[in-house]
Amino acid sequence: MNLYVNELYPCILGESLQAGLPAALVRLAGCNLDCCYCDTRHASQEPGREMAADAVCREVLSMDLPRVLITGGEPLLQKEGLAALCHELAAEGIEILVETNGTLPVSDAPPDAMLVVDVKTPGAKARVPFAESNLALLSPEDQLKFVLTGEADYRWALRFLAAHRVPVPPGNVLLSPAWGSLAPQTLAQWILHDRLPYRFHMQMHKVVWGERRGT
């Protein structure tokens, strides 16, 4: 089973509850969205390198790291290859995180993976809506992420969380400022003012490396 891989490198995770931990990063090619703040358009604009799932697994194992982040683009667009890769990685005892934009059925995600599901707010200007049916398919170990472009997105996210039964614990709900659109200090103040149980979250890799690709 083959995959189309845009990037593959060792990294310090910049997002999710695992931010700050070393990992192998597998960025798959292709995306079904075009969010206004997207910082990985190369993943959808470039065809990617065709690789067998076992070859990707070998490269990940050669990095000698205990976890892997599989992201994109949108990894669930390559669900068969993704399943094959995750099966091989899990057999090697590797912790697996899969980032998805939540517009495709997360039932297609490999059972070996922890999901980081990005709920697109109106400010993202995503061309495909979030599939609310995915919420019932999440486990308490999964994570929900909201990238916020401003106060309207923040209020929208709070209404969304109030209106839906979210199976993940509040500490697994991540509120993140869109880089360059919302000041982190402003979001932090809103969270404190409203006494929210959710987690303030930033793109740590951008704090360290800026906009450099492949870091």
N, C-alpha and C. Protein backbone atom coordinates (compact mmCIF):
# COMPACT_ATOMS: atom_id res chain seq x y z
N MET A 1 0.85 -1.19 0.00
CA MET A 1 0.00 0.00 0.00
C MET A 1 0.89 1.24 0.00
N ASN A 2 0.63 2.15 -0.94
CA ASN A 2 1.47 3.32 -1.11
C ASN A 2 0.84 4.58 -0.52
N LEU A 3 1.70 5.52 -0.20
CA LEU A 3 1.31 6.82 0.30
C LEU A 3 2.01 7.90 -0.51
N TYR A 4 1.42 9.09 -0.55
CA TYR A 4 2.08 10.25 -1.15
C TYR A 4 2.51 11.17 -0.01
N VAL A 5 3.83 11.28 0.15
CA VAL A 5 4.41 11.95 1.31
C VAL A 5 5.01 13.28 0.88
N ASN A 6 4.62 14.34 1.55
CA ASN A 6 5.15 15.67 1.26
C ASN A 6 6.44 15.93 2.02
N GLU A 7 6.47 15.58 3.30
CA GLU A 7 7.66 15.79 4.14
C GLU A 7 7.77 14.67 5.16
N LEU A 8 9.01 14.40 5.55
CA LEU A 8 9.28 13.36 6.54
C LEU A 8 10.57 13.74 7.25
N TYR A 9 10.46 14.09 8.55
CA TYR A 9 11.64 14.56 9.26
C TYR A 9 11.43 14.46 10.78
N PRO A 10 12.51 14.46 11.55
CA PRO A 10 12.37 14.51 13.02
C PRO A 10 12.03 15.93 13.46
N CYS A 11 11.21 16.04 14.50
CA CYS A 11 10.77 17.37 14.93
C CYS A 11 10.54 17.40 16.43
N ILE A 12 10.38 18.61 16.94
CA ILE A 12 9.79 18.83 18.25
C ILE A 12 8.33 19.19 17.98
N LEU A 13 7.41 18.43 18.54
CA LEU A 13 6.00 18.67 18.25
C LEU A 13 5.61 20.08 18.69
N GLY A 14 4.94 20.81 17.80
CA GLY A 14 4.56 22.18 18.11
C GLY A 14 3.13 22.33 18.54
N GLU A 15 2.31 21.32 18.27
CA GLU A 15 0.89 21.41 18.60
C GLU A 15 0.43 20.12 19.29
N SER A 16 -0.78 20.16 19.84
CA SER A 16 -1.41 19.04 20.54
C SER A 16 -0.94 18.99 21.99
N LEU A 17 -1.53 18.08 22.77
CA LEU A 17 -1.11 17.91 24.16
C LEU A 17 0.32 17.41 24.25
N GLN A 18 0.83 16.86 23.16
CA GLN A 18 2.21 16.35 23.14
C GLN A 18 3.22 17.42 22.70
N ALA A 19 2.81 18.66 22.60
CA ALA A 19 3.72 19.73 22.19
C ALA A 19 4.95 19.74 23.08
N GLY A 20 6.09 19.89 22.45
CA GLY A 20 7.37 19.92 23.17
C GLY A 20 8.08 18.59 23.17
N LEU A 21 7.41 17.51 22.78
CA LEU A 21 8.03 16.20 22.77
C LEU A 21 8.64 15.90 21.40
N PRO A 22 9.78 15.19 21.36
CA PRO A 22 10.36 14.81 20.07
C PRO A 22 9.50 13.77 19.36
N ALA A 23 9.47 13.85 18.04
CA ALA A 23 8.67 12.91 17.25
C ALA A 23 9.18 12.89 15.82
N ALA A 24 8.81 11.85 15.11
CA ALA A 24 8.94 11.85 13.66
C ALA A 24 7.69 12.49 13.09
N LEU A 25 7.84 13.33 12.08
CA LEU A 25 6.70 13.97 11.43
C LEU A 25 6.56 13.41 10.02
N VAL A 26 5.38 12.90 9.73
CA VAL A 26 5.05 12.43 8.38
C VAL A 26 3.95 13.33 7.86
N ARG A 27 4.27 14.18 6.88
CA ARG A 27 3.26 15.06 6.29
C ARG A 27 2.82 14.47 4.96
N LEU A 28 1.56 14.07 4.90
CA LEU A 28 1.04 13.50 3.67
C LEU A 28 0.54 14.59 2.73
N ALA A 29 0.60 14.31 1.45
CA ALA A 29 0.20 15.28 0.42
C ALA A 29 -1.31 15.22 0.22
N GLY A 30 -1.88 16.36 -0.18
CA GLY A 30 -3.28 16.44 -0.51
C GLY A 30 -4.12 17.00 0.62
N CYS A 31 -5.09 17.87 0.25
CA CYS A 31 -6.01 18.44 1.24
C CYS A 31 -7.31 18.77 0.53
N ASN A 32 -8.41 18.66 1.27
CA ASN A 32 -9.73 19.00 0.72
C ASN A 32 -10.20 20.39 1.15
N LEU A 33 -9.33 21.14 1.84
CA LEU A 33 -9.67 22.48 2.29
C LEU A 33 -8.64 23.48 1.75
N ASP A 34 -8.94 24.75 1.94
CA ASP A 34 -7.99 25.82 1.61
C ASP A 34 -8.22 26.95 2.61
N CYS A 35 -7.89 26.67 3.88
CA CYS A 35 -8.16 27.64 4.95
C CYS A 35 -7.35 28.91 4.74
N CYS A 36 -7.90 30.04 5.13
CA CYS A 36 -7.27 31.32 4.84
C CYS A 36 -5.93 31.48 5.54
N TYR A 37 -5.74 30.80 6.69
CA TYR A 37 -4.48 30.94 7.44
C TYR A 37 -3.55 29.74 7.24
N CYS A 38 -3.83 28.90 6.26
CA CYS A 38 -3.05 27.67 6.07
C CYS A 38 -1.56 28.00 5.94
N ASP A 39 -0.75 27.28 6.70
CA ASP A 39 0.70 27.47 6.63
C ASP A 39 1.40 26.26 6.02
N THR A 40 0.63 25.33 5.45
CA THR A 40 1.23 24.15 4.82
C THR A 40 0.60 23.91 3.44
N ARG A 41 0.42 25.00 2.69
CA ARG A 41 -0.18 24.85 1.35
C ARG A 41 0.67 23.98 0.44
N HIS A 42 1.95 23.90 0.72
CA HIS A 42 2.80 23.04 -0.11
C HIS A 42 2.32 21.60 -0.08
N ALA A 43 1.66 21.20 1.01
CA ALA A 43 1.19 19.83 1.12
C ALA A 43 0.08 19.53 0.12
N SER A 44 -0.68 20.54 -0.28
CA SER A 44 -1.73 20.33 -1.28
C SER A 44 -1.29 20.75 -2.68
N GLN A 45 -0.28 21.61 -2.77
CA GLN A 45 0.15 22.10 -4.07
C GLN A 45 1.21 21.20 -4.72
N GLU A 46 1.91 20.42 -3.92
CA GLU A 46 2.94 19.52 -4.44
C GLU A 46 2.41 18.09 -4.46
N PRO A 47 2.79 17.29 -5.47
CA PRO A 47 2.22 15.95 -5.59
C PRO A 47 2.68 14.98 -4.51
N GLY A 48 3.81 15.25 -3.90
CA GLY A 48 4.33 14.35 -2.89
C GLY A 48 5.14 13.22 -3.49
N ARG A 49 5.91 12.56 -2.64
CA ARG A 49 6.75 11.44 -3.05
C ARG A 49 6.00 10.14 -2.78
N GLU A 50 5.85 9.32 -3.79
CA GLU A 50 5.15 8.06 -3.62
C GLU A 50 6.06 7.07 -2.88
N MET A 51 5.56 6.55 -1.78
CA MET A 51 6.34 5.64 -0.95
C MET A 51 5.43 4.51 -0.46
N ALA A 52 5.95 3.32 -0.39
CA ALA A 52 5.23 2.21 0.22
C ALA A 52 5.12 2.46 1.72
N ALA A 53 4.01 2.01 2.32
CA ALA A 53 3.81 2.21 3.75
C ALA A 53 4.95 1.62 4.56
N ASP A 54 5.48 0.47 4.15
CA ASP A 54 6.57 -0.13 4.93
C ASP A 54 7.86 0.67 4.79
N ALA A 55 8.04 1.37 3.66
CA ALA A 55 9.21 2.23 3.50
C ALA A 55 9.11 3.45 4.40
N VAL A 56 7.91 4.02 4.50
CA VAL A 56 7.69 5.15 5.42
C VAL A 56 7.95 4.68 6.85
N CYS A 57 7.45 3.52 7.19
CA CYS A 57 7.67 2.97 8.54
C CYS A 57 9.16 2.82 8.83
N ARG A 58 9.92 2.31 7.86
CA ARG A 58 11.36 2.13 8.07
C ARG A 58 12.05 3.48 8.31
N GLU A 59 11.65 4.50 7.54
CA GLU A 59 12.27 5.82 7.75
C GLU A 59 11.94 6.37 9.14
N VAL A 60 10.70 6.18 9.57
CA VAL A 60 10.31 6.63 10.90
C VAL A 60 11.14 5.90 11.96
N LEU A 61 11.26 4.60 11.83
CA LEU A 61 12.01 3.81 12.81
C LEU A 61 13.48 4.20 12.82
N SER A 62 14.02 4.59 11.66
CA SER A 62 15.43 4.98 11.60
C SER A 62 15.72 6.24 12.40
N MET A 63 14.68 7.04 12.70
CA MET A 63 14.87 8.26 13.49
C MET A 63 15.00 7.96 14.98
N ASP A 64 14.66 6.75 15.37
CA ASP A 64 14.81 6.30 16.77
C ASP A 64 14.07 7.22 17.73
N LEU A 65 12.83 7.51 17.39
CA LEU A 65 11.97 8.35 18.23
C LEU A 65 10.73 7.56 18.64
N PRO A 66 10.18 7.83 19.82
CA PRO A 66 9.12 6.96 20.35
C PRO A 66 7.72 7.27 19.83
N ARG A 67 7.56 8.35 19.06
CA ARG A 67 6.22 8.72 18.60
C ARG A 67 6.31 9.30 17.20
N VAL A 68 5.16 9.33 16.54
CA VAL A 68 5.08 9.88 15.19
C VAL A 68 3.81 10.72 15.09
N LEU A 69 3.91 11.85 14.41
CA LEU A 69 2.76 12.66 14.06
C LEU A 69 2.54 12.51 12.56
N ILE A 70 1.33 12.07 12.20
CA ILE A 70 0.96 11.98 10.78
C ILE A 70 -0.04 13.09 10.52
N THR A 71 0.33 14.00 9.64
CA THR A 71 -0.45 15.20 9.40
C THR A 71 -0.51 15.47 7.91
N GLY A 72 -0.95 16.65 7.53
CA GLY A 72 -1.04 16.96 6.12
C GLY A 72 -0.92 18.44 5.88
N GLY A 73 -1.66 18.90 4.90
CA GLY A 73 -2.73 18.26 4.19
C GLY A 73 -3.78 17.59 5.09
N GLU A 74 -4.42 16.60 4.52
CA GLU A 74 -5.44 15.84 5.24
C GLU A 74 -5.14 14.35 5.11
N PRO A 75 -4.64 13.72 6.18
CA PRO A 75 -4.22 12.32 6.10
C PRO A 75 -5.33 11.34 5.73
N LEU A 76 -6.60 11.64 6.11
CA LEU A 76 -7.67 10.69 5.84
C LEU A 76 -8.04 10.60 4.36
N LEU A 77 -7.49 11.50 3.53
CA LEU A 77 -7.66 11.36 2.09
C LEU A 77 -6.90 10.13 1.57
N GLN A 78 -5.94 9.64 2.35
CA GLN A 78 -5.16 8.45 1.98
C GLN A 78 -5.41 7.36 3.02
N LYS A 79 -6.67 7.06 3.25
CA LYS A 79 -7.03 6.24 4.42
C LYS A 79 -6.48 4.81 4.34
N GLU A 80 -6.40 4.23 3.14
CA GLU A 80 -5.88 2.85 3.06
C GLU A 80 -4.40 2.81 3.39
N GLY A 81 -3.64 3.70 2.78
CA GLY A 81 -2.20 3.75 3.08
C GLY A 81 -1.94 4.15 4.51
N LEU A 82 -2.76 5.08 5.03
CA LEU A 82 -2.62 5.51 6.41
C LEU A 82 -2.84 4.33 7.36
N ALA A 83 -3.87 3.52 7.09
CA ALA A 83 -4.16 2.37 7.94
C ALA A 83 -3.00 1.38 7.92
N ALA A 84 -2.43 1.16 6.74
CA ALA A 84 -1.30 0.23 6.63
C ALA A 84 -0.10 0.74 7.40
N LEU A 85 0.19 2.04 7.28
CA LEU A 85 1.33 2.62 7.98
C LEU A 85 1.14 2.54 9.49
N CYS A 86 -0.05 2.91 9.96
CA CYS A 86 -0.29 2.91 11.40
C CYS A 86 -0.23 1.49 11.97
N HIS A 87 -0.70 0.52 11.22
CA HIS A 87 -0.64 -0.87 11.68
C HIS A 87 0.82 -1.29 11.89
N GLU A 88 1.69 -0.92 10.95
CA GLU A 88 3.10 -1.29 11.07
C GLU A 88 3.77 -0.54 12.22
N LEU A 89 3.47 0.74 12.36
CA LEU A 89 4.07 1.53 13.43
C LEU A 89 3.62 1.03 14.80
N ALA A 90 2.34 0.72 14.92
CA ALA A 90 1.83 0.22 16.20
C ALA A 90 2.49 -1.10 16.58
N ALA A 91 2.75 -1.94 15.59
CA ALA A 91 3.42 -3.22 15.86
C ALA A 91 4.83 -3.01 16.39
N GLU A 92 5.41 -1.86 16.10
CA GLU A 92 6.76 -1.52 16.58
C GLU A 92 6.72 -0.76 17.90
N GLY A 93 5.52 -0.55 18.45
CA GLY A 93 5.40 0.14 19.74
C GLY A 93 5.51 1.65 19.65
N ILE A 94 5.30 2.23 18.46
CA ILE A 94 5.40 3.68 18.28
C ILE A 94 4.06 4.33 18.65
N GLU A 95 4.12 5.39 19.45
CA GLU A 95 2.92 6.19 19.74
C GLU A 95 2.54 6.98 18.50
N ILE A 96 1.26 6.94 18.12
CA ILE A 96 0.82 7.53 16.85
C ILE A 96 -0.20 8.62 17.10
N LEU A 97 0.06 9.80 16.54
CA LEU A 97 -0.92 10.88 16.52
C LEU A 97 -1.28 11.17 15.06
N VAL A 98 -2.56 11.35 14.80
CA VAL A 98 -3.03 11.71 13.46
C VAL A 98 -3.82 13.00 13.57
N GLU A 99 -3.39 14.02 12.83
CA GLU A 99 -4.12 15.29 12.77
C GLU A 99 -5.08 15.26 11.59
N THR A 100 -6.34 15.63 11.83
CA THR A 100 -7.33 15.65 10.77
C THR A 100 -8.20 16.89 10.92
N ASN A 101 -8.73 17.36 9.77
CA ASN A 101 -9.54 18.58 9.84
C ASN A 101 -11.00 18.31 10.19
N GLY A 102 -11.38 17.05 10.37
CA GLY A 102 -12.71 16.74 10.86
C GLY A 102 -13.81 16.83 9.83
N THR A 103 -13.48 16.99 8.57
CA THR A 103 -14.50 17.04 7.52
C THR A 103 -14.77 15.67 6.92
N LEU A 104 -13.88 14.72 7.16
CA LEU A 104 -14.03 13.35 6.67
C LEU A 104 -14.35 12.44 7.86
N PRO A 105 -14.97 11.28 7.63
CA PRO A 105 -15.34 10.41 8.74
C PRO A 105 -14.13 9.92 9.52
N VAL A 106 -14.08 10.22 10.81
CA VAL A 106 -12.95 9.74 11.61
C VAL A 106 -13.06 8.25 11.86
N SER A 107 -14.19 7.64 11.48
CA SER A 107 -14.28 6.19 11.54
C SER A 107 -13.28 5.54 10.58
N ASP A 108 -12.79 6.32 9.60
CA ASP A 108 -11.76 5.82 8.67
C ASP A 108 -10.37 5.90 9.26
N ALA A 109 -10.21 6.53 10.42
CA ALA A 109 -8.91 6.65 11.05
C ALA A 109 -8.50 5.30 11.65
N PRO A 110 -7.22 4.97 11.62
CA PRO A 110 -6.76 3.71 12.20
C PRO A 110 -7.03 3.65 13.70
N PRO A 111 -7.44 2.51 14.21
CA PRO A 111 -7.75 2.41 15.65
C PRO A 111 -6.52 2.56 16.53
N ASP A 112 -5.33 2.42 15.94
CA ASP A 112 -4.09 2.53 16.72
C ASP A 112 -3.70 3.97 16.98
N ALA A 113 -4.39 4.94 16.37
CA ALA A 113 -3.96 6.33 16.42
C ALA A 113 -4.77 7.16 17.40
N MET A 114 -4.10 8.11 18.04
CA MET A 114 -4.76 9.17 18.81
C MET A 114 -5.06 10.31 17.84
N LEU A 115 -6.29 10.81 17.86
CA LEU A 115 -6.70 11.83 16.91
C LEU A 115 -6.62 13.23 17.50
N VAL A 116 -6.12 14.15 16.69
CA VAL A 116 -6.18 15.58 16.99
C VAL A 116 -7.06 16.19 15.91
N VAL A 117 -8.30 16.52 16.28
CA VAL A 117 -9.32 16.92 15.31
C VAL A 117 -9.48 18.44 15.34
N ASP A 118 -9.27 19.06 14.20
CA ASP A 118 -9.32 20.51 14.08
C ASP A 118 -10.72 20.92 13.64
N VAL A 119 -11.47 21.57 14.54
CA VAL A 119 -12.81 22.06 14.21
C VAL A 119 -12.65 23.44 13.56
N LYS A 120 -12.96 23.52 12.27
CA LYS A 120 -12.76 24.77 11.56
C LYS A 120 -13.83 25.79 11.93
N THR A 121 -13.39 26.95 12.37
CA THR A 121 -14.28 28.05 12.73
C THR A 121 -14.66 28.85 11.48
N PRO A 122 -15.65 29.72 11.55
CA PRO A 122 -16.01 30.53 10.37
C PRO A 122 -14.83 31.35 9.83
N GLY A 123 -13.96 31.80 10.74
CA GLY A 123 -12.83 32.60 10.31
C GLY A 123 -11.83 31.86 9.44
N ALA A 124 -11.87 30.54 9.46
CA ALA A 124 -10.95 29.76 8.62
C ALA A 124 -11.32 29.83 7.16
N LYS A 125 -12.59 30.14 6.89
CA LYS A 125 -13.11 30.18 5.51
C LYS A 125 -12.87 28.85 4.79
N ALA A 126 -13.07 27.76 5.52
CA ALA A 126 -12.91 26.43 4.94
C ALA A 126 -14.06 26.15 3.98
N ARG A 127 -13.77 25.46 2.89
CA ARG A 127 -14.80 25.23 1.87
C ARG A 127 -15.64 23.99 2.14
N VAL A 128 -15.28 23.22 3.15
CA VAL A 128 -16.06 22.03 3.54
C VAL A 128 -16.35 22.15 5.03
N PRO A 129 -17.59 21.96 5.46
CA PRO A 129 -17.91 22.10 6.88
C PRO A 129 -17.42 20.93 7.72
N PHE A 130 -17.25 21.18 8.99
CA PHE A 130 -16.92 20.13 9.95
C PHE A 130 -18.05 19.11 10.00
N ALA A 131 -17.71 17.83 10.05
CA ALA A 131 -18.72 16.77 10.14
C ALA A 131 -19.04 16.53 11.62
N GLU A 132 -20.16 17.09 12.07
CA GLU A 132 -20.49 17.01 13.49
C GLU A 132 -20.72 15.58 13.95
N SER A 133 -21.03 14.68 13.03
CA SER A 133 -21.19 13.26 13.37
C SER A 133 -19.90 12.66 13.90
N ASN A 134 -18.77 13.29 13.60
CA ASN A 134 -17.48 12.79 14.09
C ASN A 134 -17.36 12.88 15.61
N LEU A 135 -18.07 13.81 16.23
CA LEU A 135 -17.91 14.01 17.66
C LEU A 135 -18.24 12.74 18.44
N ALA A 136 -19.26 12.03 18.01
CA ALA A 136 -19.67 10.81 18.72
C ALA A 136 -18.67 9.68 18.55
N LEU A 137 -17.76 9.82 17.61
CA LEU A 137 -16.80 8.75 17.31
C LEU A 137 -15.47 8.95 18.03
N LEU A 138 -15.32 10.06 18.74
CA LEU A 138 -14.06 10.34 19.42
C LEU A 138 -14.01 9.58 20.75
N SER A 139 -12.79 9.31 21.18
CA SER A 139 -12.58 8.69 22.49
C SER A 139 -12.07 9.75 23.45
N PRO A 140 -12.09 9.49 24.76
CA PRO A 140 -11.58 10.46 25.73
C PRO A 140 -10.09 10.75 25.58
N GLU A 141 -9.37 9.91 24.83
CA GLU A 141 -7.94 10.15 24.62
C GLU A 141 -7.68 11.09 23.46
N ASP A 142 -8.70 11.34 22.64
CA ASP A 142 -8.52 12.20 21.48
C ASP A 142 -8.55 13.68 21.90
N GLN A 143 -8.30 14.56 20.92
CA GLN A 143 -8.21 15.99 21.20
C GLN A 143 -9.01 16.78 20.17
N LEU A 144 -9.59 17.89 20.60
CA LEU A 144 -10.28 18.81 19.71
C LEU A 144 -9.53 20.14 19.72
N LYS A 145 -9.29 20.68 18.53
CA LYS A 145 -8.54 21.94 18.43
C LYS A 145 -9.38 22.97 17.67
N PHE A 146 -9.39 24.19 18.19
CA PHE A 146 -10.04 25.32 17.53
C PHE A 146 -8.97 26.38 17.28
N VAL A 147 -8.72 26.70 16.02
CA VAL A 147 -7.81 27.80 15.68
C VAL A 147 -8.66 29.04 15.47
N LEU A 148 -8.38 30.09 16.23
CA LEU A 148 -9.26 31.25 16.32
C LEU A 148 -8.62 32.47 15.68
N THR A 149 -9.36 33.10 14.76
CA THR A 149 -8.82 34.28 14.08
C THR A 149 -9.19 35.58 14.79
N GLY A 150 -10.12 35.51 15.74
CA GLY A 150 -10.54 36.72 16.45
C GLY A 150 -11.66 36.40 17.42
N GLU A 151 -12.28 37.45 17.97
CA GLU A 151 -13.29 37.24 19.00
C GLU A 151 -14.53 36.53 18.46
N ALA A 152 -14.89 36.78 17.22
CA ALA A 152 -16.06 36.11 16.65
C ALA A 152 -15.84 34.59 16.62
N ASP A 153 -14.64 34.16 16.26
CA ASP A 153 -14.32 32.73 16.28
C ASP A 153 -14.33 32.18 17.71
N TYR A 154 -13.81 32.95 18.62
CA TYR A 154 -13.78 32.53 20.03
C TYR A 154 -15.20 32.29 20.54
N ARG A 155 -16.09 33.23 20.31
CA ARG A 155 -17.47 33.08 20.76
C ARG A 155 -18.16 31.93 20.03
N TRP A 156 -17.85 31.76 18.76
CA TRP A 156 -18.42 30.64 18.00
C TRP A 156 -17.98 29.31 18.60
N ALA A 157 -16.70 29.20 18.95
CA ALA A 157 -16.18 27.95 19.53
C ALA A 157 -16.87 27.64 20.85
N LEU A 158 -17.10 28.66 21.68
CA LEU A 158 -17.78 28.43 22.96
C LEU A 158 -19.23 27.99 22.73
N ARG A 159 -19.90 28.57 21.75
CA ARG A 159 -21.26 28.13 21.45
C ARG A 159 -21.27 26.69 20.92
N PHE A 160 -20.30 26.37 20.11
CA PHE A 160 -20.19 25.01 19.57
C PHE A 160 -20.01 24.01 20.70
N LEU A 161 -19.12 24.31 21.62
CA LEU A 161 -18.85 23.39 22.73
C LEU A 161 -20.05 23.28 23.66
N ALA A 162 -20.79 24.36 23.83
CA ALA A 162 -21.98 24.33 24.69
C ALA A 162 -23.12 23.55 24.04
N ALA A 163 -23.16 23.55 22.72
CA ALA A 163 -24.29 22.95 22.00
C ALA A 163 -24.11 21.47 21.72
N HIS A 164 -22.88 20.96 21.86
CA HIS A 164 -22.61 19.58 21.50
C HIS A 164 -22.06 18.79 22.69
N ARG A 165 -22.39 17.52 22.70
CA ARG A 165 -21.77 16.62 23.67
C ARG A 165 -20.39 16.26 23.15
N VAL A 166 -19.38 16.73 23.83
CA VAL A 166 -18.00 16.49 23.41
C VAL A 166 -17.41 15.41 24.31
N PRO A 167 -17.02 14.27 23.76
CA PRO A 167 -16.58 13.15 24.60
C PRO A 167 -15.17 13.28 25.16
N VAL A 168 -14.42 14.28 24.71
CA VAL A 168 -13.07 14.45 25.25
C VAL A 168 -13.14 15.32 26.49
N PRO A 169 -12.24 15.14 27.46
CA PRO A 169 -12.25 16.00 28.66
C PRO A 169 -11.91 17.44 28.32
N PRO A 170 -12.31 18.40 29.15
CA PRO A 170 -12.06 19.82 28.84
C PRO A 170 -10.58 20.13 28.59
N GLY A 171 -9.69 19.45 29.30
CA GLY A 171 -8.26 19.69 29.10
C GLY A 171 -7.75 19.23 27.76
N ASN A 172 -8.56 18.44 27.03
CA ASN A 172 -8.20 17.99 25.68
C ASN A 172 -8.82 18.87 24.60
N VAL A 173 -9.48 19.96 25.02
CA VAL A 173 -9.99 20.95 24.07
C VAL A 173 -8.98 22.08 24.00
N LEU A 174 -8.44 22.31 22.82
CA LEU A 174 -7.34 23.25 22.63
C LEU A 174 -7.84 24.50 21.91
N LEU A 175 -7.63 25.65 22.51
CA LEU A 175 -7.96 26.94 21.90
C LEU A 175 -6.67 27.62 21.50
N SER A 176 -6.53 27.85 20.21
CA SER A 176 -5.25 28.34 19.68
C SER A 176 -5.45 29.61 18.87
N PRO A 177 -4.59 30.63 19.06
CA PRO A 177 -4.69 31.83 18.22
C PRO A 177 -4.12 31.56 16.84
N ALA A 178 -4.85 31.97 15.81
CA ALA A 178 -4.30 31.88 14.45
C ALA A 178 -3.09 32.79 14.35
N TRP A 179 -1.99 32.23 13.91
CA TRP A 179 -0.71 32.95 13.87
C TRP A 179 -0.85 34.22 13.02
N GLY A 180 -0.55 35.35 13.61
CA GLY A 180 -0.60 36.61 12.88
C GLY A 180 -1.97 37.26 12.83
N SER A 181 -3.01 36.57 13.34
CA SER A 181 -4.37 37.12 13.30
C SER A 181 -4.89 37.50 14.68
N LEU A 182 -4.56 36.71 15.68
CA LEU A 182 -5.04 36.94 17.05
C LEU A 182 -3.86 36.90 17.99
N ALA A 183 -3.69 37.94 18.79
CA ALA A 183 -2.57 37.99 19.73
C ALA A 183 -2.75 36.92 20.81
N PRO A 184 -1.71 36.14 21.10
CA PRO A 184 -1.83 35.11 22.15
C PRO A 184 -2.26 35.69 23.49
N GLN A 185 -1.76 36.89 23.81
CA GLN A 185 -2.12 37.51 25.09
C GLN A 185 -3.62 37.80 25.17
N THR A 186 -4.19 38.16 24.04
CA THR A 186 -5.63 38.46 24.02
C THR A 186 -6.44 37.21 24.29
N LEU A 187 -6.10 36.12 23.62
CA LEU A 187 -6.82 34.86 23.84
C LEU A 187 -6.65 34.39 25.28
N ALA A 188 -5.45 34.50 25.81
CA ALA A 188 -5.21 34.09 27.19
C ALA A 188 -6.09 34.90 28.15
N GLN A 189 -6.23 36.20 27.90
CA GLN A 189 -7.06 37.04 28.76
C GLN A 189 -8.53 36.64 28.67
N TRP A 190 -9.00 36.31 27.47
CA TRP A 190 -10.40 35.88 27.33
C TRP A 190 -10.65 34.60 28.13
N ILE A 191 -9.74 33.65 28.02
CA ILE A 191 -9.90 32.37 28.72
C ILE A 191 -9.94 32.59 30.22
N LEU A 192 -9.07 33.45 30.72
CA LEU A 192 -9.06 33.74 32.15
C LEU A 192 -10.31 34.50 32.58
N HIS A 193 -10.70 35.47 31.78
CA HIS A 193 -11.89 36.26 32.12
C HIS A 193 -13.13 35.39 32.20
N ASP A 194 -13.26 34.44 31.26
CA ASP A 194 -14.45 33.59 31.20
C ASP A 194 -14.31 32.32 32.04
N ARG A 195 -13.16 32.19 32.73
CA ARG A 195 -12.92 31.04 33.61
C ARG A 195 -13.20 29.71 32.89
N LEU A 196 -12.63 29.58 31.71
CA LEU A 196 -12.87 28.39 30.90
C LEU A 196 -12.03 27.21 31.39
N PRO A 197 -12.53 25.99 31.22
CA PRO A 197 -11.77 24.80 31.60
C PRO A 197 -10.89 24.30 30.46
N TYR A 198 -10.89 25.02 29.33
CA TYR A 198 -10.19 24.54 28.15
C TYR A 198 -8.72 24.98 28.15
N ARG A 199 -7.95 24.38 27.27
CA ARG A 199 -6.50 24.58 27.28
C ARG A 199 -6.07 25.66 26.28
N PHE A 200 -5.36 26.67 26.77
CA PHE A 200 -4.70 27.64 25.88
C PHE A 200 -3.58 26.91 25.16
N HIS A 201 -3.42 27.21 23.88
CA HIS A 201 -2.55 26.38 23.04
C HIS A 201 -1.92 27.26 21.98
N MET A 202 -0.66 27.03 21.70
CA MET A 202 0.04 27.80 20.65
C MET A 202 0.83 26.87 19.77
N GLN A 203 1.22 27.39 18.60
CA GLN A 203 2.09 26.64 17.70
C GLN A 203 3.54 26.83 18.16
N MET A 204 3.97 25.93 19.04
CA MET A 204 5.29 26.07 19.65
C MET A 204 6.41 26.07 18.61
N HIS A 205 6.24 25.31 17.54
CA HIS A 205 7.29 25.25 16.54
C HIS A 205 7.52 26.60 15.87
N LYS A 206 6.46 27.43 15.78
CA LYS A 206 6.64 28.76 15.20
C LYS A 206 7.33 29.71 16.17
N VAL A 207 7.09 29.51 17.44
CA VAL A 207 7.80 30.32 18.44
C VAL A 207 9.30 30.05 18.35
N VAL A 208 9.65 28.79 18.10
CA VAL A 208 11.08 28.40 18.06
C VAL A 208 11.69 28.71 16.70
N TRP A 209 11.04 28.31 15.61
CA TRP A 209 11.65 28.38 14.29
C TRP A 209 11.00 29.37 13.32
N GLY A 210 9.95 30.03 13.75
CA GLY A 210 9.29 30.95 12.84
C GLY A 210 8.58 30.20 11.72
N GLU A 211 8.64 30.75 10.52
CA GLU A 211 7.90 30.19 9.38
C GLU A 211 8.73 29.22 8.55
N ARG A 212 9.91 28.83 9.06
CA ARG A 212 10.77 27.94 8.29
C ARG A 212 10.09 26.61 8.03
N ARG A 213 10.16 26.14 6.82
CA ARG A 213 9.57 24.86 6.44
C ARG A 213 10.48 23.71 6.88
N GLY A 214 9.85 22.61 7.25
CA GLY A 214 10.63 21.41 7.57
C GLY A 214 11.22 21.44 8.97
N THR A 215 10.59 22.20 9.91
CA THR A 215 11.08 22.24 11.28
C THR A 215 9.90 22.07 12.22
